[in-house]
Protein backbone atom coordinates (compact mmCIF):
# COMPACT_ATOMS: atom_id res chain seq x y z
CA UNK A 1 0.00 0.00 0.00
CA UNK A 2 1.45 3.37 -0.97
CA UNK A 3 1.68 6.05 1.66
CA UNK A 4 0.16 9.41 0.72
CA UNK A 5 2.09 12.30 2.18
CA UNK A 6 0.42 15.03 4.14
CA UNK A 7 0.05 18.17 2.06
CA UNK A 8 1.72 21.31 3.33
CA UNK A 9 0.18 24.78 3.70
CA UNK A 10 1.90 28.11 3.17
CA UNK A 11 1.18 31.79 2.72
CA UNK A 12 1.76 33.55 -0.58
CA UNK A 13 1.49 37.31 -0.94
CA UNK A 14 1.39 38.95 -4.34
CA UNK A 15 2.69 42.44 -3.67
CA UNK A 16 1.40 45.85 -4.88
CA UNK A 17 3.78 45.95 -7.87
CA UNK A 18 2.14 42.81 -9.31
CA UNK A 19 -1.43 43.59 -8.25
CA UNK A 20 -1.22 46.96 -10.04
CA UNK A 21 -0.65 45.11 -13.34
CA UNK A 22 -3.66 42.86 -14.10
CA UNK A 23 -1.92 41.09 -17.01
CA UNK A 24 1.11 40.22 -14.89
CA UNK A 25 -1.08 39.20 -11.93
CA UNK A 26 -3.03 36.82 -14.17
CA UNK A 27 0.24 35.42 -15.54
CA UNK A 28 1.54 34.72 -12.01
CA UNK A 29 -1.75 33.06 -11.02
CA UNK A 30 -1.57 30.93 -14.19
CA UNK A 31 1.98 29.84 -13.32
CA UNK A 32 0.84 28.89 -9.83
CA UNK A 33 -2.03 26.77 -11.16
CA UNK A 34 0.11 25.17 -13.89
CA UNK A 35 2.60 24.17 -11.18
CA UNK A 36 -0.12 22.27 -9.33
CA UNK A 37 -0.54 24.67 -6.41
CA UNK A 38 -3.95 24.70 -4.76
CA UNK A 39 -5.52 27.93 -3.52
CA UNK A 40 -7.17 27.07 -0.19
CA UNK A 41 -8.27 30.64 0.63
CA UNK A 42 -7.65 33.94 -1.14
CA UNK A 43 -8.36 37.56 -0.48
CA UNK A 44 -7.28 40.99 -1.56
CA UNK A 45 -6.10 43.22 1.29
CA UNK A 46 -5.03 46.84 1.62
CA UNK A 47 -2.51 46.96 4.46
CA UNK A 48 -2.14 50.05 6.60
CA UNK A 49 1.42 51.11 7.47
CA UNK A 50 0.83 49.79 11.00
CA UNK A 51 -0.29 46.39 9.69
CA UNK A 52 2.68 46.17 7.29
CA UNK A 53 5.02 47.05 10.16
CA UNK A 54 3.43 44.35 12.33
CA UNK A 55 3.73 41.73 9.58
CA UNK A 56 7.38 42.58 8.95
CA UNK A 57 8.26 43.03 12.65
CA UNK A 58 11.24 40.67 12.24
CA UNK A 59 12.87 43.36 10.07
CA UNK A 60 12.41 46.15 12.63
CA UNK A 61 15.53 48.29 12.77
CA UNK A 62 16.95 47.01 9.47
CA UNK A 63 17.88 49.62 6.87
CA UNK A 64 15.15 48.54 4.42
CA UNK A 65 12.24 48.20 6.87
CA UNK A 66 10.74 51.69 6.33
CA UNK A 67 10.92 51.25 2.55
CA UNK A 68 9.30 47.80 2.82
CA UNK A 69 6.47 49.05 5.07
CA UNK A 70 5.79 52.00 2.74
CA UNK A 71 5.74 49.75 -0.31
CA UNK A 72 3.54 47.05 1.23
CA UNK A 73 0.98 49.66 2.29
CA UNK A 74 1.11 51.53 -1.06
CA UNK A 75 -1.58 49.44 -2.74
CA UNK A 76 -3.59 46.25 -2.47
CA UNK A 77 -1.98 42.83 -2.12
CA UNK A 78 -3.41 39.38 -2.80
CA UNK A 79 -2.97 36.86 -0.01
CA UNK A 80 -3.33 33.16 -0.64
CA UNK A 81 -3.15 30.08 1.53
CA UNK A 82 -1.51 27.62 -0.82
CA UNK A 83 -1.56 23.85 -0.46
CA UNK A 84 0.46 21.11 -2.05
CA UNK A 85 3.18 18.56 -1.65
CA UNK A 86 6.25 20.46 -0.35
CA UNK A 87 4.43 23.68 -1.23
CA UNK A 88 6.78 25.91 0.79
CA UNK A 89 9.81 24.80 -1.20
CA UNK A 90 7.96 24.68 -4.50
CA UNK A 91 6.50 28.19 -4.14
CA UNK A 92 9.84 29.64 -3.04
CA UNK A 93 11.61 27.99 -6.02
CA UNK A 94 8.97 29.48 -8.35
CA UNK A 95 9.63 32.90 -6.81
CA UNK A 96 13.39 32.75 -7.18
CA UNK A 97 15.87 34.50 -4.89
CA UNK A 98 14.84 37.67 -3.01
CA UNK A 99 17.61 39.81 -4.49
CA UNK A 100 16.11 40.73 -7.86
CA UNK A 101 19.29 42.02 -9.53
CA UNK A 102 20.97 38.66 -8.90
CA UNK A 103 17.81 36.73 -9.77
CA UNK A 104 17.47 38.39 -13.19
CA UNK A 105 20.78 36.74 -14.13
CA UNK A 106 20.69 33.54 -12.05
CA UNK A 107 17.02 32.58 -12.43
CA UNK A 108 15.47 34.77 -15.15
CA UNK A 109 12.45 32.46 -15.64
CA UNK A 110 11.43 32.70 -11.98
CA UNK A 111 8.59 35.05 -11.00
CA UNK A 112 11.00 37.56 -9.46
CA UNK A 113 13.40 37.15 -12.38
CA UNK A 114 10.56 37.87 -14.80
CA UNK A 115 8.76 40.68 -12.98
CA UNK A 116 10.82 41.89 -10.01
CA UNK A 117 12.06 45.47 -10.00
CA UNK A 118 14.11 45.81 -6.80
CA UNK A 119 14.76 43.84 -3.62
CA UNK A 120 11.74 45.57 -2.03
CA UNK A 121 9.54 45.49 -5.14
CA UNK A 122 10.20 41.81 -5.73
CA UNK A 123 6.65 40.74 -6.65
CA UNK A 124 5.77 38.25 -3.98
CA UNK A 125 6.37 36.67 -0.60
CA UNK A 126 6.42 33.07 0.52
CA UNK A 127 6.71 31.65 4.02
CA UNK A 128 10.07 29.98 4.64
CA UNK A 129 9.03 27.19 7.06
CA UNK A 130 5.96 25.47 8.53
CA UNK A 131 5.99 27.52 11.76
CA UNK A 132 6.40 30.76 9.79
CA UNK A 133 3.53 29.73 7.51
CA UNK A 134 1.25 29.15 10.52
CA UNK A 135 2.10 32.56 11.97
CA UNK A 136 1.77 34.38 8.64
CA UNK A 137 -1.47 32.63 7.64
CA UNK A 138 -2.84 33.59 11.08
CA UNK A 139 -1.97 37.23 10.43
CA UNK A 140 -3.97 37.46 7.19
CA UNK A 141 -6.53 34.72 7.81
CA UNK A 142 -7.26 34.72 11.57
CA UNK A 143 -10.43 32.72 10.89
CA UNK A 144 -8.44 29.82 9.36
CA UNK A 145 -7.96 26.79 11.59
CA UNK A 146 -5.11 24.50 10.52
CA UNK A 147 -6.27 21.50 12.56
CA UNK A 148 -9.84 21.78 11.30
CA UNK A 149 -8.64 22.09 7.70
CA UNK A 150 -6.46 18.98 8.01
CA UNK A 151 -9.37 17.10 9.58
CA UNK A 152 -12.10 18.16 7.14
CA UNK A 153 -10.49 19.37 3.89
CA UNK A 154 -7.02 17.84 3.55
CA UNK A 155 -8.22 14.53 2.08
CA UNK A 156 -10.23 16.37 -0.60
CA UNK A 157 -7.15 18.28 -1.78
CA UNK A 158 -5.00 15.16 -1.44
CA UNK A 159 -7.35 13.28 -3.76
CA UNK A 160 -7.90 16.24 -6.11
CA UNK A 161 -11.61 16.40 -5.23
CA UNK A 162 -11.63 20.16 -5.72
CA UNK A 163 -12.48 22.57 -8.51
CA UNK A 164 -10.93 25.96 -9.09
CA UNK A 165 -13.28 28.95 -8.81
CA UNK A 166 -11.62 31.84 -10.68
CA UNK A 167 -14.08 34.37 -9.23
CA UNK A 168 -12.99 33.54 -5.68
CA UNK A 169 -9.41 32.63 -6.71
CA UNK A 170 -9.62 29.45 -4.71
CA UNK A 171 -10.26 25.75 -4.95
CA UNK A 172 -13.49 24.47 -3.48
CA UNK A 173 -14.51 20.94 -2.59
CA UNK A 174 -16.46 18.87 -5.06
CA UNK A 175 -19.30 17.83 -2.79
CA UNK A 176 -21.02 15.43 -5.18
CA UNK A 177 -18.43 12.87 -6.24
CA UNK A 178 -20.97 10.60 -7.97
CA UNK A 179 -21.39 12.69 -11.13
C-alpha atoms as a PDB file:
ATOM      1  CA  UNK A   1       0.000   0.000   0.000  1.00  0.00           C
ATOM      2  CA  UNK A   2       1.448   3.370  -0.971  1.00  0.00           C
ATOM      3  CA  UNK A   3       1.683   6.049   1.662  1.00  0.00           C
ATOM      4  CA  UNK A   4       0.157   9.408   0.719  1.00  0.00           C
ATOM      5  CA  UNK A   5       2.092  12.299   2.179  1.00  0.00           C
ATOM      6  CA  UNK A   6       0.420  15.029   4.144  1.00  0.00           C
ATOM      7  CA  UNK A   7       0.054  18.167   2.064  1.00  0.00           C
ATOM      8  CA  UNK A   8       1.716  21.312   3.334  1.00  0.00           C
ATOM      9  CA  UNK A   9       0.181  24.782   3.696  1.00  0.00           C
ATOM     10  CA  UNK A  10       1.899  28.114   3.171  1.00  0.00           C
ATOM     11  CA  UNK A  11       1.176  31.794   2.717  1.00  0.00           C
ATOM     12  CA  UNK A  12       1.764  33.549  -0.584  1.00  0.00           C
ATOM     13  CA  UNK A  13       1.495  37.307  -0.942  1.00  0.00           C
ATOM     14  CA  UNK A  14       1.393  38.950  -4.345  1.00  0.00           C
ATOM     15  CA  UNK A  15       2.688  42.440  -3.670  1.00  0.00           C
ATOM     16  CA  UNK A  16       1.405  45.852  -4.877  1.00  0.00           C
ATOM     17  CA  UNK A  17       3.785  45.950  -7.875  1.00  0.00           C
ATOM     18  CA  UNK A  18       2.135  42.809  -9.313  1.00  0.00           C
ATOM     19  CA  UNK A  19      -1.430  43.585  -8.247  1.00  0.00           C
ATOM     20  CA  UNK A  20      -1.222  46.956 -10.041  1.00  0.00           C
ATOM     21  CA  UNK A  21      -0.647  45.112 -13.338  1.00  0.00           C
ATOM     22  CA  UNK A  22      -3.655  42.861 -14.102  1.00  0.00           C
ATOM     23  CA  UNK A  23      -1.924  41.085 -17.012  1.00  0.00           C
ATOM     24  CA  UNK A  24       1.114  40.224 -14.887  1.00  0.00           C
ATOM     25  CA  UNK A  25      -1.081  39.205 -11.932  1.00  0.00           C
ATOM     26  CA  UNK A  26      -3.031  36.817 -14.166  1.00  0.00           C
ATOM     27  CA  UNK A  27       0.243  35.424 -15.536  1.00  0.00           C
ATOM     28  CA  UNK A  28       1.536  34.718 -12.009  1.00  0.00           C
ATOM     29  CA  UNK A  29      -1.752  33.056 -11.024  1.00  0.00           C
ATOM     30  CA  UNK A  30      -1.566  30.925 -14.186  1.00  0.00           C
ATOM     31  CA  UNK A  31       1.984  29.841 -13.318  1.00  0.00           C
ATOM     32  CA  UNK A  32       0.843  28.895  -9.830  1.00  0.00           C
ATOM     33  CA  UNK A  33      -2.030  26.773 -11.165  1.00  0.00           C
ATOM     34  CA  UNK A  34       0.112  25.171 -13.887  1.00  0.00           C
ATOM     35  CA  UNK A  35       2.603  24.165 -11.178  1.00  0.00           C
ATOM     36  CA  UNK A  36      -0.115  22.274  -9.325  1.00  0.00           C
ATOM     37  CA  UNK A  37      -0.540  24.669  -6.412  1.00  0.00           C
ATOM     38  CA  UNK A  38      -3.946  24.701  -4.764  1.00  0.00           C
ATOM     39  CA  UNK A  39      -5.518  27.927  -3.517  1.00  0.00           C
ATOM     40  CA  UNK A  40      -7.175  27.069  -0.188  1.00  0.00           C
ATOM     41  CA  UNK A  41      -8.271  30.639   0.633  1.00  0.00           C
ATOM     42  CA  UNK A  42      -7.651  33.936  -1.136  1.00  0.00           C
ATOM     43  CA  UNK A  43      -8.361  37.562  -0.477  1.00  0.00           C
ATOM     44  CA  UNK A  44      -7.279  40.989  -1.559  1.00  0.00           C
ATOM     45  CA  UNK A  45      -6.101  43.217   1.290  1.00  0.00           C
ATOM     46  CA  UNK A  46      -5.030  46.845   1.622  1.00  0.00           C
ATOM     47  CA  UNK A  47      -2.513  46.957   4.464  1.00  0.00           C
ATOM     48  CA  UNK A  48      -2.136  50.049   6.600  1.00  0.00           C
ATOM     49  CA  UNK A  49       1.417  51.111   7.473  1.00  0.00           C
ATOM     50  CA  UNK A  50       0.833  49.788  11.000  1.00  0.00           C
ATOM     51  CA  UNK A  51      -0.287  46.386   9.688  1.00  0.00           C
ATOM     52  CA  UNK A  52       2.680  46.172   7.293  1.00  0.00           C
ATOM     53  CA  UNK A  53       5.022  47.053  10.156  1.00  0.00           C
ATOM     54  CA  UNK A  54       3.430  44.349  12.327  1.00  0.00           C
ATOM     55  CA  UNK A  55       3.726  41.726   9.584  1.00  0.00           C
ATOM     56  CA  UNK A  56       7.381  42.579   8.949  1.00  0.00           C
ATOM     57  CA  UNK A  57       8.255  43.028  12.653  1.00  0.00           C
ATOM     58  CA  UNK A  58      11.244  40.673  12.238  1.00  0.00           C
ATOM     59  CA  UNK A  59      12.867  43.363  10.070  1.00  0.00           C
ATOM     60  CA  UNK A  60      12.405  46.150  12.631  1.00  0.00           C
ATOM     61  CA  UNK A  61      15.531  48.289  12.773  1.00  0.00           C
ATOM     62  CA  UNK A  62      16.947  47.014   9.474  1.00  0.00           C
ATOM     63  CA  UNK A  63      17.877  49.622   6.869  1.00  0.00           C
ATOM     64  CA  UNK A  64      15.149  48.543   4.423  1.00  0.00           C
ATOM     65  CA  UNK A  65      12.241  48.203   6.871  1.00  0.00           C
ATOM     66  CA  UNK A  66      10.742  51.688   6.328  1.00  0.00           C
ATOM     67  CA  UNK A  67      10.915  51.253   2.549  1.00  0.00           C
ATOM     68  CA  UNK A  68       9.296  47.805   2.820  1.00  0.00           C
ATOM     69  CA  UNK A  69       6.473  49.050   5.071  1.00  0.00           C
ATOM     70  CA  UNK A  70       5.794  51.998   2.740  1.00  0.00           C
ATOM     71  CA  UNK A  71       5.741  49.748  -0.311  1.00  0.00           C
ATOM     72  CA  UNK A  72       3.541  47.047   1.230  1.00  0.00           C
ATOM     73  CA  UNK A  73       0.977  49.658   2.290  1.00  0.00           C
ATOM     74  CA  UNK A  74       1.110  51.533  -1.058  1.00  0.00           C
ATOM     75  CA  UNK A  75      -1.583  49.445  -2.741  1.00  0.00           C
ATOM     76  CA  UNK A  76      -3.594  46.252  -2.465  1.00  0.00           C
ATOM     77  CA  UNK A  77      -1.979  42.834  -2.123  1.00  0.00           C
ATOM     78  CA  UNK A  78      -3.409  39.383  -2.802  1.00  0.00           C
ATOM     79  CA  UNK A  79      -2.967  36.865  -0.008  1.00  0.00           C
ATOM     80  CA  UNK A  80      -3.332  33.156  -0.643  1.00  0.00           C
ATOM     81  CA  UNK A  81      -3.149  30.085   1.532  1.00  0.00           C
ATOM     82  CA  UNK A  82      -1.512  27.616  -0.821  1.00  0.00           C
ATOM     83  CA  UNK A  83      -1.564  23.854  -0.462  1.00  0.00           C
ATOM     84  CA  UNK A  84       0.459  21.110  -2.051  1.00  0.00           C
ATOM     85  CA  UNK A  85       3.184  18.556  -1.649  1.00  0.00           C
ATOM     86  CA  UNK A  86       6.252  20.461  -0.347  1.00  0.00           C
ATOM     87  CA  UNK A  87       4.426  23.681  -1.233  1.00  0.00           C
ATOM     88  CA  UNK A  88       6.780  25.913   0.795  1.00  0.00           C
ATOM     89  CA  UNK A  89       9.814  24.801  -1.199  1.00  0.00           C
ATOM     90  CA  UNK A  90       7.963  24.680  -4.502  1.00  0.00           C
ATOM     91  CA  UNK A  91       6.497  28.189  -4.137  1.00  0.00           C
ATOM     92  CA  UNK A  92       9.842  29.641  -3.041  1.00  0.00           C
ATOM     93  CA  UNK A  93      11.605  27.992  -6.016  1.00  0.00           C
ATOM     94  CA  UNK A  94       8.973  29.483  -8.352  1.00  0.00           C
ATOM     95  CA  UNK A  95       9.626  32.898  -6.807  1.00  0.00           C
ATOM     96  CA  UNK A  96      13.391  32.747  -7.180  1.00  0.00           C
ATOM     97  CA  UNK A  97      15.870  34.495  -4.885  1.00  0.00           C
ATOM     98  CA  UNK A  98      14.838  37.667  -3.011  1.00  0.00           C
ATOM     99  CA  UNK A  99      17.606  39.806  -4.488  1.00  0.00           C
ATOM    100  CA  UNK A 100      16.113  40.729  -7.859  1.00  0.00           C
ATOM    101  CA  UNK A 101      19.290  42.015  -9.528  1.00  0.00           C
ATOM    102  CA  UNK A 102      20.972  38.660  -8.900  1.00  0.00           C
ATOM    103  CA  UNK A 103      17.808  36.730  -9.770  1.00  0.00           C
ATOM    104  CA  UNK A 104      17.470  38.394 -13.185  1.00  0.00           C
ATOM    105  CA  UNK A 105      20.781  36.736 -14.132  1.00  0.00           C
ATOM    106  CA  UNK A 106      20.694  33.538 -12.054  1.00  0.00           C
ATOM    107  CA  UNK A 107      17.023  32.575 -12.431  1.00  0.00           C
ATOM    108  CA  UNK A 108      15.466  34.769 -15.155  1.00  0.00           C
ATOM    109  CA  UNK A 109      12.453  32.458 -15.638  1.00  0.00           C
ATOM    110  CA  UNK A 110      11.426  32.697 -11.977  1.00  0.00           C
ATOM    111  CA  UNK A 111       8.593  35.048 -10.997  1.00  0.00           C
ATOM    112  CA  UNK A 112      11.002  37.558  -9.461  1.00  0.00           C
ATOM    113  CA  UNK A 113      13.401  37.151 -12.381  1.00  0.00           C
ATOM    114  CA  UNK A 114      10.563  37.875 -14.799  1.00  0.00           C
ATOM    115  CA  UNK A 115       8.756  40.678 -12.979  1.00  0.00           C
ATOM    116  CA  UNK A 116      10.817  41.889 -10.010  1.00  0.00           C
ATOM    117  CA  UNK A 117      12.058  45.465  -9.997  1.00  0.00           C
ATOM    118  CA  UNK A 118      14.109  45.810  -6.804  1.00  0.00           C
ATOM    119  CA  UNK A 119      14.763  43.841  -3.620  1.00  0.00           C
ATOM    120  CA  UNK A 120      11.745  45.573  -2.033  1.00  0.00           C
ATOM    121  CA  UNK A 121       9.543  45.492  -5.143  1.00  0.00           C
ATOM    122  CA  UNK A 122      10.204  41.811  -5.727  1.00  0.00           C
ATOM    123  CA  UNK A 123       6.651  40.740  -6.646  1.00  0.00           C
ATOM    124  CA  UNK A 124       5.770  38.253  -3.976  1.00  0.00           C
ATOM    125  CA  UNK A 125       6.366  36.669  -0.600  1.00  0.00           C
ATOM    126  CA  UNK A 126       6.419  33.075   0.516  1.00  0.00           C
ATOM    127  CA  UNK A 127       6.711  31.654   4.021  1.00  0.00           C
ATOM    128  CA  UNK A 128      10.069  29.976   4.640  1.00  0.00           C
ATOM    129  CA  UNK A 129       9.032  27.190   7.056  1.00  0.00           C
ATOM    130  CA  UNK A 130       5.962  25.470   8.534  1.00  0.00           C
ATOM    131  CA  UNK A 131       5.986  27.524  11.758  1.00  0.00           C
ATOM    132  CA  UNK A 132       6.403  30.762   9.790  1.00  0.00           C
ATOM    133  CA  UNK A 133       3.534  29.732   7.511  1.00  0.00           C
ATOM    134  CA  UNK A 134       1.254  29.148  10.520  1.00  0.00           C
ATOM    135  CA  UNK A 135       2.096  32.560  11.971  1.00  0.00           C
ATOM    136  CA  UNK A 136       1.774  34.382   8.637  1.00  0.00           C
ATOM    137  CA  UNK A 137      -1.468  32.633   7.639  1.00  0.00           C
ATOM    138  CA  UNK A 138      -2.838  33.588  11.081  1.00  0.00           C
ATOM    139  CA  UNK A 139      -1.965  37.231  10.429  1.00  0.00           C
ATOM    140  CA  UNK A 140      -3.972  37.463   7.188  1.00  0.00           C
ATOM    141  CA  UNK A 141      -6.531  34.716   7.812  1.00  0.00           C
ATOM    142  CA  UNK A 142      -7.258  34.722  11.569  1.00  0.00           C
ATOM    143  CA  UNK A 143     -10.430  32.720  10.892  1.00  0.00           C
ATOM    144  CA  UNK A 144      -8.436  29.816   9.362  1.00  0.00           C
ATOM    145  CA  UNK A 145      -7.958  26.793  11.591  1.00  0.00           C
ATOM    146  CA  UNK A 146      -5.106  24.498  10.525  1.00  0.00           C
ATOM    147  CA  UNK A 147      -6.271  21.504  12.558  1.00  0.00           C
ATOM    148  CA  UNK A 148      -9.841  21.775  11.305  1.00  0.00           C
ATOM    149  CA  UNK A 149      -8.635  22.088   7.698  1.00  0.00           C
ATOM    150  CA  UNK A 150      -6.461  18.977   8.013  1.00  0.00           C
ATOM    151  CA  UNK A 151      -9.369  17.102   9.579  1.00  0.00           C
ATOM    152  CA  UNK A 152     -12.102  18.163   7.136  1.00  0.00           C
ATOM    153  CA  UNK A 153     -10.490  19.368   3.886  1.00  0.00           C
ATOM    154  CA  UNK A 154      -7.017  17.836   3.552  1.00  0.00           C
ATOM    155  CA  UNK A 155      -8.217  14.532   2.082  1.00  0.00           C
ATOM    156  CA  UNK A 156     -10.231  16.373  -0.600  1.00  0.00           C
ATOM    157  CA  UNK A 157      -7.153  18.278  -1.784  1.00  0.00           C
ATOM    158  CA  UNK A 158      -4.998  15.163  -1.438  1.00  0.00           C
ATOM    159  CA  UNK A 159      -7.355  13.277  -3.763  1.00  0.00           C
ATOM    160  CA  UNK A 160      -7.904  16.243  -6.113  1.00  0.00           C
ATOM    161  CA  UNK A 161     -11.608  16.399  -5.228  1.00  0.00           C
ATOM    162  CA  UNK A 162     -11.627  20.160  -5.718  1.00  0.00           C
ATOM    163  CA  UNK A 163     -12.482  22.570  -8.510  1.00  0.00           C
ATOM    164  CA  UNK A 164     -10.929  25.960  -9.085  1.00  0.00           C
ATOM    165  CA  UNK A 165     -13.279  28.948  -8.808  1.00  0.00           C
ATOM    166  CA  UNK A 166     -11.620  31.843 -10.684  1.00  0.00           C
ATOM    167  CA  UNK A 167     -14.075  34.369  -9.226  1.00  0.00           C
ATOM    168  CA  UNK A 168     -12.988  33.543  -5.681  1.00  0.00           C
ATOM    169  CA  UNK A 169      -9.408  32.635  -6.711  1.00  0.00           C
ATOM    170  CA  UNK A 170      -9.615  29.452  -4.712  1.00  0.00           C
ATOM    171  CA  UNK A 171     -10.256  25.752  -4.954  1.00  0.00           C
ATOM    172  CA  UNK A 172     -13.493  24.471  -3.485  1.00  0.00           C
ATOM    173  CA  UNK A 173     -14.505  20.940  -2.594  1.00  0.00           C
ATOM    174  CA  UNK A 174     -16.462  18.871  -5.060  1.00  0.00           C
ATOM    175  CA  UNK A 175     -19.297  17.828  -2.787  1.00  0.00           C
ATOM    176  CA  UNK A 176     -21.020  15.426  -5.176  1.00  0.00           C
ATOM    177  CA  UNK A 177     -18.427  12.869  -6.245  1.00  0.00           C
ATOM    178  CA  UNK A 178     -20.967  10.596  -7.974  1.00  0.00           C
ATOM    179  CA  UNK A 179     -21.389  12.686 -11.127  1.00  0.00           C
END
